[in-house]
Amino acid sequence: MELHELADAVADELSFLRFVKALTADRQDQVEKERVSRSPSYGPGANGWENDTIEDFLEAATAWAEDTGFGQSQGLPNNPWRRFADFLYCGKIYE
C-alpha cells in the first residue's frame, strides 16, 4: 500500500501507528538513496520528500494545517487520528 493510501486509511490508534512506521521507513529509505545518489537541490528527494530538516518538516506541516483548517477546506474526515496522519504526511510533501 502506498504511503498516501495508508494515511487515507487511518481511523484509530493502530492504523495511525502503522502509518507512522511506514512514514519513518519511507524517510529512512530516502536517506539511504540520497547517500548513493543525490537528487537535484531544487526538487524533492528520491521518495518525494520536499523537507529534509525537522524544522522544514514541521513548518510545512503547520503551513498545511493553517492553510486548510487541518484539512477541513479539503473535505477530510473529522477523525483526529486521520487529521494528525495528514498533518505528518503534509510535512513530507507540502511546500
Protein backbone atom coordinates (compact mmCIF):
# COMPACT_ATOMS: atom_id res chain seq x y z
CA MET A 1 0.00 0.00 0.00
CA GLU A 2 1.29 3.46 -0.89
CA LEU A 3 2.06 5.94 1.89
CA HIS A 4 -0.81 8.27 0.95
CA GLU A 5 -3.18 5.28 0.97
CA LEU A 6 -2.04 4.37 4.48
CA ALA A 7 -2.71 7.96 5.58
CA ASP A 8 -6.17 7.79 3.99
CA ALA A 9 -6.87 4.53 5.87
CA VAL A 10 -6.06 5.93 9.33
CA ALA A 11 -9.10 5.56 11.57
CA ASP A 12 -7.73 4.69 15.00
CA GLU A 13 -4.56 4.32 17.10
CA LEU A 14 -3.36 1.13 15.43
CA SER A 15 -3.77 2.37 11.87
CA PHE A 16 -2.13 5.66 12.87
CA LEU A 17 0.92 3.84 14.24
CA ARG A 18 1.04 1.69 11.09
CA PHE A 19 1.15 4.88 9.04
CA VAL A 20 3.86 6.48 11.24
CA LYS A 21 6.02 3.36 10.91
CA ALA A 22 5.60 3.46 7.13
CA LEU A 23 6.40 7.19 7.03
CA THR A 24 9.55 6.54 9.08
CA ALA A 25 10.61 3.70 6.77
CA ASP A 26 9.96 5.90 3.73
CA ARG A 27 12.20 8.63 5.15
CA GLN A 28 14.95 6.14 6.05
CA ASP A 29 14.76 4.72 2.53
CA GLN A 30 15.13 8.17 1.01
CA VAL A 31 18.13 8.97 3.22
CA GLU A 32 19.85 5.80 2.01
CA LYS A 33 19.03 6.54 -1.64
CA GLU A 34 20.34 10.09 -1.28
CA ARG A 35 23.64 8.80 0.14
CA VAL A 36 24.16 6.81 -3.04
CA SER A 37 22.91 9.41 -5.50
CA ARG A 38 21.86 12.95 -4.56
CA SER A 39 18.69 14.38 -6.07
CA PRO A 40 18.85 17.90 -7.52
CA SER A 41 18.68 20.50 -4.75
CA TYR A 42 15.75 22.35 -6.38
CA GLY A 43 13.24 19.50 -6.18
CA PRO A 44 12.02 16.70 -3.95
CA GLY A 45 14.23 13.83 -2.88
CA ALA A 46 14.19 10.29 -4.22
CA ASN A 47 10.97 9.38 -2.36
CA GLY A 48 9.28 12.75 -2.81
CA TRP A 49 10.35 14.39 0.45
CA GLU A 50 10.25 18.15 0.00
CA ASN A 51 11.52 18.92 3.51
CA ASP A 52 14.82 17.48 4.70
CA THR A 53 15.18 19.02 8.15
CA ILE A 54 12.86 18.67 11.13
CA GLU A 55 12.41 22.44 11.08
CA ASP A 56 11.30 22.44 7.44
CA PHE A 57 9.12 19.36 8.00
CA LEU A 58 7.28 20.93 10.94
CA GLU A 59 6.99 24.30 9.19
CA ALA A 60 5.41 22.64 6.14
CA ALA A 61 3.02 20.56 8.25
CA THR A 62 1.99 23.66 10.20
CA ALA A 63 1.53 25.69 7.00
CA TRP A 64 -0.73 22.97 5.59
CA ALA A 65 -2.77 22.89 8.81
CA GLU A 66 -3.17 26.68 8.82
CA ASP A 67 -3.91 26.91 5.09
CA THR A 68 -6.57 24.18 5.14
CA GLY A 69 -8.02 24.36 8.65
CA PHE A 70 -6.41 20.98 9.35
CA GLY A 71 -7.90 19.61 6.15
CA GLN A 72 -11.43 20.96 6.62
CA SER A 73 -11.26 23.00 3.41
CA GLN A 74 -10.23 19.80 1.63
CA GLY A 75 -13.20 17.87 2.98
CA LEU A 76 -11.09 15.48 5.05
CA PRO A 77 -12.80 13.35 7.71
CA ASN A 78 -13.15 14.83 11.18
CA ASN A 79 -11.26 11.96 12.80
CA PRO A 80 -8.36 13.22 14.97
CA TRP A 81 -6.15 10.21 14.13
CA ARG A 82 -6.64 10.78 10.41
CA ARG A 83 -6.10 14.53 10.74
CA PHE A 84 -2.80 14.04 12.51
CA ALA A 85 -1.70 11.45 9.94
CA ASP A 86 -2.45 14.00 7.21
CA PHE A 87 -0.53 16.63 9.20
CA LEU A 88 2.55 14.37 9.26
CA TYR A 89 2.17 13.37 5.60
CA CYS A 90 1.99 17.02 4.59
CA GLY A 91 5.23 17.63 6.47
CA LYS A 92 6.75 15.41 3.80
CA ILE A 93 5.15 16.93 0.71
CA TYR A 94 3.87 20.46 1.44
CA GLU A 95 5.98 23.43 0.35
